[in-house]
């Protein structure tokens, strides 16, 4: 409870004094001043003498008031110490359990929907964070045979709202047949392609996203490659235990960085938690970060992105298909890579390379030549539609927006990614509140930029060359769990995680591990290909094959 503390202060030689009361709240984690009041009173009959010395008494009274406030703050810190952050940590969102009916196939089915938090503790058993989740479990289904799927998005620093309201959940935002971003807040409609006919679904918001939160400085214990994987593995283990689902077939679905999680977690869950995962569905994943981020000596990131550039150019006149991209794929990993790597540089060969890259991408040949045949992502999104003064979206190259800085060499913003923020945030908070009965004053973090900025990318890199990756973990789990299967899904016009990077990784795994167990599918659309209705339906159809029993 707050405690009232009186105070009195008179500036030297001043004819007035300050007095009042301030309320102090003190808890286990620190203290805070919740309110204070100040009253000035006459202190001595020497006002005229004071005014003679101080020509602007009102100004000086304000000066002394500011000094008083500073002294009060110093007094509080000395008396009570600086709060350690736990006092400001909000209480977790209260659990909400509702009973809903959703259409599964052609019939209605009853589900229990639990929106709640699961606490995480440190080695001493002291709570450090809460992970928020929304779980859909089908009523009267046999828990031992009914699959359960854990779903998360990427970032890192993203909540699961993208897959929840965009692809897998029972209700989705209406993006129309072509995946157009509506004006906020958007409209929720029944999802004819919900995965609830295949599995129970648990949408997970990693620490610091959605309504999940972290206490004080404990974020460093969760915001890193290995730390993040460990926290989600712990969540999955505890959820399965608390809800008696250890015997259920278990699956993972992840998008983008979440796809990286879904590729790494099966090995971690098997080794540290003795939990076998039946399959992972990876949507627009990053399997090896060395193939995404490069420098002047790393050629593969630019090489593997070229077919996605070609898909963007192709979509201006026709829908790209895997067959239509076969030629540019062969060029990228053949003559193109060879010419870029050759020393000394063959200028005649390079002139042919410039011309072919320009033809495939619709970027003017002089621009290609200026960049020595390589087109970094920032150059492509700026230059491909420069004559039209349009910027291309990194997340779906078929999406454009007017360039706010057409004379600049730098691309700023992203029409698709930026447009989705308000729509998904409003859609998610409205759905949680209006449909699932969630009540809280906490802000919903669709994206946590602080998590991205503070992410420890070096975590767990012992023995590696400086980039996080999942290929080794996939080798291990495919070798040790012969029932484990993977589906990799990519949009052809996704420039953030180009599809050829995943194919490159899969093709370099032993065929004895991948045959009939690893599938890579391409879809019209970008990073969130499920925004397009037809691609969302295909995702569901491909997922159904993953959940079906092995032949």
Protein backbone atom coordinates (compact mmCIF):
# COMPACT_ATOMS: atom_id res chain seq x y z
CA UNK A 1 0.00 0.00 0.00
CA UNK A 2 1.20 3.58 -0.62
CA UNK A 3 2.66 5.44 2.35
CA UNK A 4 2.27 9.21 2.74
CA UNK A 5 5.48 11.12 3.46
CA UNK A 6 5.47 14.83 4.42
CA UNK A 7 8.27 17.19 3.41
CA UNK A 8 9.35 20.80 4.07
CA UNK A 9 11.99 22.88 2.31
CA UNK A 10 12.92 26.59 2.43
CA UNK A 11 15.45 28.07 0.00
CA UNK A 12 18.16 30.10 1.73
CA UNK A 13 17.21 33.77 2.21
CA UNK A 14 13.89 33.22 0.39
CA UNK A 15 10.64 34.66 1.88
CA UNK A 16 8.70 31.49 1.00
CA UNK A 17 8.84 27.80 1.84
CA UNK A 18 7.69 24.57 0.18
CA UNK A 19 5.66 21.92 1.91
CA UNK A 20 3.48 19.03 0.96
CA UNK A 21 2.98 15.28 0.88
CA UNK A 22 4.14 12.54 -1.49
CA UNK A 23 2.91 8.95 -1.74
CA UNK A 24 5.51 6.20 -1.82
CA UNK A 25 4.75 2.66 -2.97
CA UNK A 26 7.29 0.02 -2.04
CA UNK A 27 7.26 -3.56 -3.24
CA UNK A 28 9.60 -6.52 -3.44
CA UNK A 29 11.21 -5.26 -6.62
CA UNK A 30 11.69 -1.60 -5.67
CA UNK A 31 9.68 1.55 -5.03
CA UNK A 32 8.00 4.37 -6.88
CA UNK A 33 6.49 7.76 -6.13
CA UNK A 34 2.87 7.53 -7.20
CA UNK A 35 1.87 11.16 -6.51
CA UNK A 36 2.97 14.30 -4.71
CA UNK A 37 1.63 17.77 -3.99
CA UNK A 38 3.51 21.02 -3.35
CA UNK A 39 2.27 24.10 -1.50
CA UNK A 40 4.23 27.37 -1.10
CA UNK A 41 3.81 29.42 2.03
CA UNK A 42 5.19 32.74 3.32
CA UNK A 43 8.21 32.20 5.55
CA UNK A 44 9.28 35.67 6.71
CA UNK A 45 8.15 39.31 6.44
CA UNK A 46 11.10 40.17 4.21
CA UNK A 47 9.41 39.93 0.84
CA UNK A 48 10.36 43.47 -0.21
CA UNK A 49 14.02 42.89 0.64
CA UNK A 50 13.97 39.63 -1.31
CA UNK A 51 12.30 41.28 -4.29
CA UNK A 52 14.91 44.04 -4.27
CA UNK A 53 17.63 41.41 -4.62
CA UNK A 54 15.70 39.18 -7.02
CA UNK A 55 14.06 41.28 -9.77
CA UNK A 56 11.95 38.34 -11.03
CA UNK A 57 10.61 36.51 -7.95
CA UNK A 58 8.08 34.43 -9.93
CA UNK A 59 10.82 33.05 -12.16
CA UNK A 60 12.97 32.23 -9.15
CA UNK A 61 10.09 30.48 -7.42
CA UNK A 62 9.77 28.20 -10.47
CA UNK A 63 13.52 27.60 -10.34
CA UNK A 64 13.34 26.55 -6.69
CA UNK A 65 10.35 24.29 -7.43
CA UNK A 66 12.37 22.41 -10.05
CA UNK A 67 15.27 22.12 -7.62
CA UNK A 68 12.90 20.70 -5.03
CA UNK A 69 11.67 18.00 -7.41
CA UNK A 70 15.25 17.00 -8.22
CA UNK A 71 16.08 16.83 -4.49
CA UNK A 72 13.05 14.64 -3.89
CA UNK A 73 14.15 12.22 -6.61
CA UNK A 74 17.65 12.02 -5.11
CA UNK A 75 16.13 11.48 -1.67
CA UNK A 76 14.01 8.60 -2.96
CA UNK A 77 16.94 6.87 -4.67
CA UNK A 78 19.12 7.21 -1.58
CA UNK A 79 16.39 5.99 0.74
CA UNK A 80 15.00 3.15 -1.30
CA UNK A 81 17.46 2.34 -4.10
CA UNK A 82 16.78 2.08 -7.82
CA UNK A 83 14.04 -0.40 -8.78
CA UNK A 84 15.38 -3.59 -10.35
CA UNK A 85 12.65 -3.72 -12.98
CA UNK A 86 10.45 -6.36 -11.40
CA UNK A 87 8.18 -3.78 -9.81
CA UNK A 88 7.22 -2.54 -13.26
CA UNK A 89 6.54 -6.02 -14.62
CA UNK A 90 2.81 -6.32 -15.32
CA UNK A 91 0.74 -9.24 -14.21
CA UNK A 92 0.19 -11.88 -16.90
CA UNK A 93 -3.04 -11.88 -18.88
CA UNK A 94 -5.73 -13.82 -17.05
CA UNK A 95 -6.61 -17.22 -18.48
CA UNK A 96 -9.70 -17.33 -20.70
CA UNK A 97 -11.38 -20.61 -21.59
CA UNK A 98 -14.28 -20.59 -24.06
CA UNK A 99 -16.21 -23.25 -25.91
CA UNK A 100 -16.54 -22.62 -29.62
CA UNK A 101 -18.00 -24.35 -32.63
CA UNK A 102 -16.05 -24.25 -35.90
CA UNK A 103 -16.71 -25.73 -39.29
CA UNK A 104 -14.45 -28.68 -39.96
CA UNK A 105 -14.90 -30.00 -43.46
CA UNK A 106 -18.63 -29.99 -44.08
CA UNK A 107 -19.73 -30.28 -40.45
CA UNK A 108 -19.56 -28.23 -37.27
CA UNK A 109 -17.27 -29.43 -34.49
CA UNK A 110 -16.94 -28.37 -30.85
CA UNK A 111 -13.65 -27.02 -29.55
CA UNK A 112 -12.32 -25.74 -26.26
CA UNK A 113 -10.20 -22.63 -26.77
CA UNK A 114 -7.71 -21.74 -24.04
CA UNK A 115 -5.94 -18.37 -24.10
CA UNK A 116 -3.44 -18.35 -21.26
CA UNK A 117 0.16 -17.93 -20.18
CA UNK A 118 2.70 -20.48 -19.09
CA UNK A 119 5.44 -19.19 -16.75
CA UNK A 120 9.15 -19.79 -17.29
CA UNK A 121 11.61 -19.81 -14.39
CA UNK A 122 15.37 -19.61 -13.99
CA UNK A 123 17.60 -22.27 -12.43
CA UNK A 124 16.62 -21.06 -8.95
CA UNK A 125 12.93 -21.52 -9.67
CA UNK A 126 12.23 -17.78 -9.80
CA UNK A 127 9.79 -16.73 -12.49
CA UNK A 128 11.39 -14.70 -15.27
CA UNK A 129 8.89 -14.68 -18.13
CA UNK A 130 5.48 -15.76 -19.37
CA UNK A 131 4.74 -17.31 -22.76
CA UNK A 132 1.27 -16.53 -24.05
CA UNK A 133 -0.57 -19.06 -26.17
CA UNK A 134 -3.96 -19.80 -27.71
CA UNK A 135 -4.81 -23.51 -27.89
CA UNK A 136 -7.66 -25.08 -29.86
CA UNK A 137 -8.49 -28.62 -28.73
CA UNK A 138 -11.30 -30.65 -30.25
CA UNK A 139 -13.86 -31.87 -27.73
CA UNK A 140 -14.43 -35.59 -27.31
CA UNK A 141 -11.42 -36.44 -29.48
CA UNK A 142 -9.07 -39.21 -28.38
CA UNK A 143 -6.04 -37.31 -27.11
CA UNK A 144 -3.75 -40.27 -27.70
CA UNK A 145 -4.39 -40.31 -31.46
CA UNK A 146 -5.44 -36.72 -32.18
CA UNK A 147 -2.36 -34.79 -33.41
CA UNK A 148 -1.27 -31.62 -31.68
CA UNK A 149 0.65 -28.89 -33.53
CA UNK A 150 2.67 -26.03 -32.08
CA UNK A 151 2.70 -22.94 -34.29
CA UNK A 152 4.99 -19.91 -34.20
CA UNK A 153 6.04 -17.09 -36.48
CA UNK A 154 9.48 -15.59 -36.87
CA UNK A 155 11.23 -12.26 -36.73
CA UNK A 156 12.74 -12.98 -34.34
CA UNK A 157 10.38 -10.81 -32.34
CA UNK A 158 7.09 -11.66 -34.08
CA UNK A 159 3.94 -12.98 -32.48
CA UNK A 160 1.97 -15.86 -34.01
CA UNK A 161 -0.79 -13.55 -35.32
CA UNK A 162 0.39 -13.94 -38.93
CA UNK A 163 -0.29 -17.68 -39.10
CA UNK A 164 -3.19 -17.48 -36.64
CA UNK A 165 -5.27 -14.96 -38.61
CA UNK A 166 -3.66 -15.50 -41.99
CA UNK A 167 -3.51 -19.22 -42.61
CA UNK A 168 -4.22 -21.89 -39.98
CA UNK A 169 -6.78 -20.58 -37.51
CA UNK A 170 -10.56 -20.97 -37.71
CA UNK A 171 -10.98 -17.29 -38.54
CA UNK A 172 -8.82 -15.29 -40.91
CA UNK A 173 -8.66 -11.72 -42.11
CA UNK A 174 -10.27 -11.33 -45.52
CA UNK A 175 -7.41 -10.54 -47.90
CA UNK A 176 -9.45 -11.35 -50.99
CA UNK A 177 -8.42 -13.83 -53.69
CA UNK A 178 -5.23 -11.92 -54.59
CA UNK A 179 -3.99 -11.20 -51.06
CA UNK A 180 -4.66 -7.47 -50.94
CA UNK A 181 -4.05 -5.82 -47.57
CA UNK A 182 -7.33 -4.21 -46.40
CA UNK A 183 -7.66 -0.99 -44.48
CA UNK A 184 -7.45 -1.49 -40.70
CA UNK A 185 -8.96 -3.25 -38.86
CA UNK A 186 -9.97 -5.59 -41.68
CA UNK A 187 -12.77 -8.15 -41.56
CA UNK A 188 -12.58 -11.59 -39.97
CA UNK A 189 -14.21 -14.41 -41.94
CA UNK A 190 -14.49 -18.16 -41.51
CA UNK A 191 -11.40 -19.94 -42.79
CA UNK A 192 -12.33 -22.76 -45.18
CA UNK A 193 -8.70 -23.94 -45.02
CA UNK A 194 -8.22 -24.08 -41.24
CA UNK A 195 -5.94 -26.88 -40.08
CA UNK A 196 -8.29 -27.79 -37.25
CA UNK A 197 -9.56 -30.71 -39.31
CA UNK A 198 -6.02 -32.11 -39.18
CA UNK A 199 -4.84 -31.35 -35.68
CA UNK A 200 -5.32 -29.46 -32.45
CA UNK A 201 -3.43 -26.17 -32.71
CA UNK A 202 -1.38 -24.26 -30.13
CA UNK A 203 -0.34 -20.79 -31.32
CA UNK A 204 2.73 -19.70 -29.36
CA UNK A 205 3.96 -16.14 -28.79
CA UNK A 206 7.67 -16.34 -27.83
CA UNK A 207 8.97 -14.25 -24.95
CA UNK A 208 8.47 -10.53 -25.57
CA UNK A 209 5.84 -10.93 -28.31
CA UNK A 210 2.05 -10.83 -28.27
CA UNK A 211 0.95 -10.83 -24.63
CA UNK A 212 4.09 -12.68 -23.51
CA UNK A 213 6.38 -10.62 -21.30
CA UNK A 214 9.69 -10.82 -19.54
CA UNK A 215 10.77 -9.53 -16.12
CA UNK A 216 13.33 -6.75 -15.97
CA UNK A 217 16.71 -7.63 -17.45
CA UNK A 218 15.84 -11.30 -17.95
CA UNK A 219 15.30 -10.75 -21.70
CA UNK A 220 18.94 -11.68 -22.34
CA UNK A 221 18.06 -15.17 -21.07
CA UNK A 222 15.57 -15.61 -23.94
CA UNK A 223 16.60 -13.31 -26.80
CA UNK A 224 19.23 -15.39 -28.51
CA UNK A 225 19.36 -18.34 -30.91
CA UNK A 226 19.97 -21.06 -28.33
CA UNK A 227 18.07 -19.32 -25.53
CA UNK A 228 14.97 -18.94 -27.69
CA UNK A 229 15.01 -22.58 -28.76
CA UNK A 230 15.45 -23.73 -25.17
CA UNK A 231 12.52 -21.62 -23.94
CA UNK A 232 10.15 -22.90 -26.62
CA UNK A 233 11.24 -26.49 -26.05
CA UNK A 234 10.54 -26.03 -22.35
CA UNK A 235 7.13 -24.55 -23.16
CA UNK A 236 6.23 -27.49 -25.40
CA UNK A 237 7.34 -30.02 -22.77
CA UNK A 238 5.39 -28.32 -19.99
CA UNK A 239 2.27 -27.84 -22.11
CA UNK A 240 2.23 -31.51 -23.09
CA UNK A 241 2.69 -32.56 -19.47
CA UNK A 242 0.10 -30.23 -17.98
CA UNK A 243 -2.51 -31.17 -20.59
CA UNK A 244 -1.75 -34.91 -20.68
CA UNK A 245 -0.83 -34.90 -24.38
CA UNK A 246 2.46 -36.81 -24.22
CA UNK A 247 0.98 -39.66 -26.26
CA UNK A 248 -0.38 -37.43 -29.05
CA UNK A 249 1.39 -37.27 -32.43
CA UNK A 250 3.30 -33.98 -32.29
CA UNK A 251 3.97 -31.53 -35.12
CA UNK A 252 5.60 -28.13 -35.54
CA UNK A 253 4.69 -25.31 -37.92
CA UNK A 254 6.90 -22.26 -38.26
CA UNK A 255 7.19 -19.33 -40.64
CA UNK A 256 10.40 -17.46 -41.54
CA UNK A 257 12.59 -17.48 -38.39
CA UNK A 258 9.83 -19.69 -36.99
CA UNK A 259 10.70 -22.13 -39.79
CA UNK A 260 14.26 -22.13 -38.51
CA UNK A 261 12.85 -22.95 -35.06
CA UNK A 262 10.71 -25.78 -36.45
CA UNK A 263 13.79 -27.22 -38.17
CA UNK A 264 16.01 -27.02 -35.07
CA UNK A 265 13.56 -27.98 -32.34
CA UNK A 266 12.96 -31.66 -33.23
CA UNK A 267 16.59 -32.55 -32.41
CA UNK A 268 16.56 -30.44 -29.22
CA UNK A 269 13.26 -31.89 -28.04
CA UNK A 270 14.50 -35.43 -28.68
CA UNK A 271 17.87 -34.95 -26.97
CA UNK A 272 16.94 -32.80 -23.97
CA UNK A 273 13.24 -33.59 -23.40
CA UNK A 274 12.85 -37.10 -24.89
CA UNK A 275 9.99 -35.88 -27.09
CA UNK A 276 9.65 -37.23 -30.63
CA UNK A 277 8.25 -34.90 -33.28
CA UNK A 278 6.34 -36.58 -36.11
CA UNK A 279 6.81 -33.79 -38.63
CA UNK A 280 7.60 -30.13 -39.29
CA UNK A 281 5.93 -27.83 -41.80
CA UNK A 282 8.30 -24.98 -42.64
CA UNK A 283 6.76 -21.90 -44.28
CA UNK A 284 9.25 -19.49 -45.93
CA UNK A 285 12.02 -20.74 -43.64
CA UNK A 286 15.64 -19.70 -43.22
CA UNK A 287 17.54 -22.97 -42.99
CA UNK A 288 21.05 -21.51 -43.20
CA UNK A 289 21.63 -17.83 -42.50
CA UNK A 290 24.92 -17.90 -44.40
CA UNK A 291 22.84 -18.26 -47.57
CA UNK A 292 20.80 -15.15 -46.77
CA UNK A 293 23.39 -12.65 -45.55
CA UNK A 294 26.53 -12.20 -47.58
CA UNK A 295 29.35 -9.82 -48.32
CA UNK A 296 31.56 -9.07 -51.32
CA UNK A 297 33.19 -12.49 -51.06
CA UNK A 298 30.04 -14.51 -50.39
CA UNK A 299 28.43 -15.13 -53.77
CA UNK A 300 25.67 -17.61 -52.95
CA UNK A 301 23.16 -15.18 -51.37
CA UNK A 302 22.99 -13.15 -54.61
CA UNK A 303 23.06 -16.26 -56.80
CA UNK A 304 20.27 -18.05 -54.95
CA UNK A 305 18.05 -14.96 -54.99
CA UNK A 306 18.19 -14.53 -58.79
CA UNK A 307 15.32 -16.96 -59.65
CA UNK A 308 13.04 -15.10 -57.21
CA UNK A 309 13.88 -11.85 -59.03
CA UNK A 310 12.96 -13.61 -62.25
CA UNK A 311 9.65 -14.75 -60.75
CA UNK A 312 8.85 -11.11 -59.91
CA UNK A 313 9.54 -10.03 -63.49
CA UNK A 314 7.53 -12.96 -64.85
CA UNK A 315 4.48 -12.18 -62.72
CA UNK A 316 4.01 -8.86 -64.50
CA UNK A 317 2.80 -10.82 -67.53
CA UNK A 318 1.90 -14.31 -66.24
CA UNK A 319 1.71 -16.41 -63.11
CA UNK A 320 5.14 -17.88 -62.41
CA UNK A 321 5.43 -21.65 -62.22
CA UNK A 322 8.26 -23.95 -61.13
CA UNK A 323 8.61 -25.08 -64.74
CA UNK A 324 8.99 -21.50 -65.99
CA UNK A 325 11.78 -20.88 -63.47
CA UNK A 326 13.82 -23.98 -64.29
CA UNK A 327 15.93 -22.18 -66.90
CA UNK A 328 16.99 -19.32 -64.63
CA UNK A 329 17.74 -21.78 -61.80
CA UNK A 330 20.15 -23.66 -64.06
CA UNK A 331 21.72 -20.39 -65.17
CA UNK A 332 22.10 -19.16 -61.58
CA UNK A 333 23.91 -22.25 -60.28
CA UNK A 334 25.84 -22.76 -63.52
CA UNK A 335 27.20 -20.00 -65.77
CA UNK A 336 26.24 -17.18 -63.42
CA UNK A 337 27.99 -18.55 -60.33
CA UNK A 338 30.99 -19.65 -62.41
CA UNK A 339 31.42 -16.23 -63.99
CA UNK A 340 31.14 -14.39 -60.66
CA UNK A 341 33.69 -16.70 -59.04
CA UNK A 342 36.19 -16.75 -61.92
CA UNK A 343 39.62 -15.14 -61.48
CA UNK A 344 40.88 -13.34 -63.39
CA UNK A 345 37.59 -11.84 -64.51
CA UNK A 346 36.57 -12.73 -68.06
CA UNK A 347 35.13 -9.44 -69.28
CA UNK A 348 33.63 -10.89 -72.45
CA UNK A 349 31.83 -13.54 -70.42
CA UNK A 350 30.67 -10.92 -67.94
CA UNK A 351 29.05 -8.82 -70.67
CA UNK A 352 26.94 -11.84 -71.57
CA UNK A 353 26.12 -12.30 -67.88
CA UNK A 354 24.97 -8.68 -67.58
CA UNK A 355 22.64 -9.10 -70.55
CA UNK A 356 21.10 -12.33 -69.28
CA UNK A 357 20.59 -11.01 -65.74
CA UNK A 358 18.90 -7.92 -67.18
CA UNK A 359 16.66 -10.11 -69.34
CA UNK A 360 15.63 -12.34 -66.44
CA UNK A 361 15.04 -9.54 -63.91
CA UNK A 362 13.93 -6.54 -66.02
CA UNK A 363 16.62 -4.44 -64.31
CA UNK A 364 18.40 -2.26 -66.90
CA UNK A 365 21.68 -3.73 -68.07
CA UNK A 366 23.75 -0.64 -67.11
CA UNK A 367 22.53 -1.05 -63.53
CA UNK A 368 23.50 -4.72 -63.57
CA UNK A 369 26.94 -3.85 -64.94
CA UNK A 370 27.42 -1.12 -62.35
CA UNK A 371 27.03 -3.78 -59.65
CA UNK A 372 29.34 -6.28 -61.40
CA UNK A 373 26.47 -8.58 -62.28
CA UNK A 374 25.24 -8.94 -58.71
CA UNK A 375 21.93 -7.47 -57.59
CA UNK A 376 21.71 -6.96 -53.83
CA UNK A 377 18.16 -6.99 -52.54
CA UNK A 378 18.09 -3.25 -51.83
CA UNK A 379 19.18 -2.51 -55.40
CA UNK A 380 16.56 -4.77 -56.97
CA UNK A 381 13.57 -3.43 -55.02
CA UNK A 382 14.64 0.10 -55.94
CA UNK A 383 15.66 -0.35 -59.57
CA UNK A 384 13.25 -2.96 -60.99
CA UNK A 385 10.36 -0.47 -61.20
CA UNK A 386 12.27 2.83 -61.03
CA UNK A 387 10.89 4.04 -64.40
CA UNK A 388 7.40 3.78 -62.88
CA UNK A 389 8.57 5.41 -59.62
CA UNK A 390 7.47 2.31 -57.72
CA UNK A 391 9.10 0.33 -54.92
CA UNK A 392 8.88 -3.46 -54.85
CA UNK A 393 8.04 -5.25 -51.60
CA UNK A 394 10.76 -7.50 -50.25
CA UNK A 395 8.08 -9.78 -48.84
CA UNK A 396 6.26 -10.19 -52.15
CA UNK A 397 7.92 -8.74 -55.21
CA UNK A 398 4.60 -8.61 -57.05
CA UNK A 399 3.40 -5.95 -54.57
CA UNK A 400 4.42 -2.37 -55.33
CA UNK A 401 3.84 1.08 -53.85
CA UNK A 402 4.77 4.63 -54.91
CA UNK A 403 8.36 5.41 -54.05
CA UNK A 404 8.34 8.27 -51.50
CA UNK A 405 11.98 9.07 -52.37
CA UNK A 406 12.32 8.36 -56.11
CA UNK A 407 15.56 10.31 -56.44
CA UNK A 408 17.26 8.43 -53.61
CA UNK A 409 19.45 5.38 -54.15
CA UNK A 410 18.06 3.80 -50.99
CA UNK A 411 14.77 1.93 -50.60
CA UNK A 412 12.79 2.84 -47.51
CA UNK A 413 9.81 0.99 -46.06
CA UNK A 414 7.87 -1.96 -47.38
CA UNK A 415 4.28 -1.65 -48.60
CA UNK A 416 3.20 -5.18 -47.68
CA UNK A 417 5.03 -5.59 -44.38
CA UNK A 418 4.16 -2.11 -43.11
CA UNK A 419 0.53 -2.41 -44.20
CA UNK A 420 0.01 -5.66 -42.33
CA UNK A 421 1.04 -4.28 -38.94
CA UNK A 422 -2.08 -2.33 -38.08
CA UNK A 423 -4.42 -4.86 -39.71
CA UNK A 424 -3.05 -7.85 -37.80
CA UNK A 425 -2.68 -6.00 -34.51
CA UNK A 426 -6.24 -4.72 -34.57
CA UNK A 427 -7.56 -8.01 -35.89
CA UNK A 428 -5.79 -10.06 -33.22
CA UNK A 429 -6.70 -7.89 -30.23
CA UNK A 430 -10.30 -7.70 -31.42
CA UNK A 431 -10.54 -11.46 -31.90
CA UNK A 432 -8.98 -12.22 -28.52
CA UNK A 433 -11.27 -9.77 -26.77
CA UNK A 434 -14.55 -10.17 -28.63
CA UNK A 435 -14.50 -13.89 -29.43
CA UNK A 436 -12.21 -15.46 -26.82
CA UNK A 437 -13.08 -13.19 -23.89
CA UNK A 438 -9.52 -12.01 -23.16
CA UNK A 439 -9.44 -8.92 -20.91
CA UNK A 440 -6.23 -6.95 -20.42
CA UNK A 441 -4.81 -3.45 -20.61
CA UNK A 442 -1.45 -4.71 -21.81
CA UNK A 443 -0.31 -3.72 -25.32
CA UNK A 444 -0.24 -6.51 -27.88
CA UNK A 445 3.21 -6.72 -29.50
CA UNK A 446 2.82 -7.98 -33.04
CA UNK A 447 6.49 -7.15 -33.56
CA UNK A 448 9.05 -6.40 -30.89
CA UNK A 449 11.85 -4.33 -32.39
CA UNK A 450 13.76 -4.41 -29.13
CA UNK A 451 14.02 -8.18 -29.34
CA UNK A 452 15.45 -7.94 -32.86
CA UNK A 453 17.99 -5.29 -31.87
CA UNK A 454 19.15 -7.20 -28.79
CA UNK A 455 19.11 -10.69 -30.34
CA UNK A 456 22.22 -12.74 -29.63
CA UNK A 457 23.05 -14.19 -33.03
CA UNK A 458 26.35 -15.58 -31.74
CA UNK A 459 24.63 -17.87 -29.27
CA UNK A 460 25.49 -21.51 -29.83
CA UNK A 461 27.92 -20.94 -32.69
CA UNK A 462 30.72 -23.08 -31.26
CA UNK A 463 32.29 -24.93 -34.17
CA UNK A 464 30.39 -22.97 -36.83
CA UNK A 465 31.55 -20.23 -39.18
CA UNK A 466 29.60 -17.34 -37.71
CA UNK A 467 26.05 -17.99 -38.96
CA UNK A 468 23.16 -19.85 -37.36
CA UNK A 469 21.88 -22.85 -39.28
CA UNK A 470 19.59 -25.86 -39.17
CA UNK A 471 21.10 -28.26 -41.70
CA UNK A 472 23.08 -30.25 -39.12
CA UNK A 473 20.05 -30.54 -36.85
CA UNK A 474 17.95 -31.80 -39.77
CA UNK A 475 20.58 -34.40 -40.61
CA UNK A 476 20.52 -35.66 -37.04
CA UNK A 477 16.78 -35.88 -36.59
CA UNK A 478 16.22 -37.46 -40.02
CA UNK A 479 18.85 -40.07 -39.17
CA UNK A 480 17.64 -40.85 -35.66
CA UNK A 481 13.85 -40.59 -36.16
CA UNK A 482 12.96 -42.57 -39.25
CA UNK A 483 9.30 -41.54 -38.99
CA UNK A 484 10.09 -37.80 -39.05
CA UNK A 485 9.01 -35.92 -42.18
CA UNK A 486 9.34 -32.33 -43.39
CA UNK A 487 7.42 -30.12 -45.80
CA UNK A 488 9.07 -26.88 -46.93
CA UNK A 489 6.79 -24.24 -48.46
CA UNK A 490 7.99 -21.15 -50.34
CA UNK A 491 6.34 -18.34 -52.26
CA UNK A 492 8.04 -17.81 -55.60
CA UNK A 493 8.11 -14.00 -55.32
CA UNK A 494 9.45 -13.95 -51.75
CA UNK A 495 12.70 -11.99 -51.76
CA UNK A 496 13.37 -12.17 -48.00
CA UNK A 497 13.79 -15.95 -47.85
CA UNK A 498 14.26 -17.03 -51.49
CA UNK A 499 13.07 -20.54 -52.27
CA UNK A 500 16.33 -21.64 -53.89
CA UNK A 501 18.17 -21.27 -50.57
CA UNK A 502 16.06 -24.05 -49.05
CA UNK A 503 16.39 -26.22 -52.14
CA UNK A 504 20.17 -25.76 -51.99
CA UNK A 505 20.22 -26.98 -48.38
CA UNK A 506 17.90 -29.93 -49.02
CA UNK A 507 19.83 -30.98 -52.11
CA UNK A 508 23.04 -31.07 -50.07
CA UNK A 509 21.59 -33.42 -47.44
CA UNK A 510 22.19 -37.15 -47.97
CA UNK A 511 19.52 -38.58 -50.32
CA UNK A 512 19.26 -41.59 -48.05
CA UNK A 513 17.78 -39.25 -45.43
CA UNK A 514 15.57 -37.05 -47.60
CA UNK A 515 14.03 -39.51 -50.08
CA UNK A 516 10.23 -39.59 -49.64
CA UNK A 517 10.57 -37.69 -46.36
CA UNK A 518 11.48 -34.11 -47.34
CA UNK A 519 9.24 -32.21 -49.74
CA UNK A 520 9.71 -28.67 -51.07
CA UNK A 521 6.68 -27.00 -52.65
CA UNK A 522 6.43 -23.66 -54.47
CA UNK A 523 3.36 -21.41 -54.45
CA UNK A 524 2.23 -18.22 -56.14
CA UNK A 525 2.86 -15.37 -53.73
CA UNK A 526 5.55 -14.12 -51.43
CA UNK A 527 6.76 -14.60 -47.88
CA UNK A 528 3.15 -14.80 -46.66
CA UNK A 529 1.89 -16.69 -49.70
CA UNK A 530 -1.19 -17.71 -47.68
CA UNK A 531 -2.57 -14.19 -48.08
CA UNK A 532 -3.67 -15.41 -51.51
CA UNK A 533 -6.71 -17.66 -51.11
CA UNK A 534 -5.58 -20.29 -53.62
CA UNK A 535 -2.15 -20.63 -52.03
CA UNK A 536 -3.70 -20.91 -48.57
CA UNK A 537 -5.86 -23.78 -49.87
CA UNK A 538 -2.79 -25.50 -51.34
CA UNK A 539 -0.94 -25.15 -48.04
CA UNK A 540 -3.77 -27.00 -46.33
CA UNK A 541 -3.78 -29.74 -48.96
CA UNK A 542 -0.01 -30.21 -48.62
CA UNK A 543 -0.32 -30.26 -44.83
CA UNK A 544 -2.94 -32.99 -45.06
CA UNK A 545 -0.35 -35.22 -46.75
CA UNK A 546 2.11 -34.56 -43.93
CA UNK A 547 -0.45 -35.58 -41.30
CA UNK A 548 -1.60 -38.65 -43.18
CA UNK A 549 -0.16 -42.00 -42.01
CA UNK A 550 3.01 -43.22 -43.65
CA UNK A 551 2.29 -45.71 -46.46
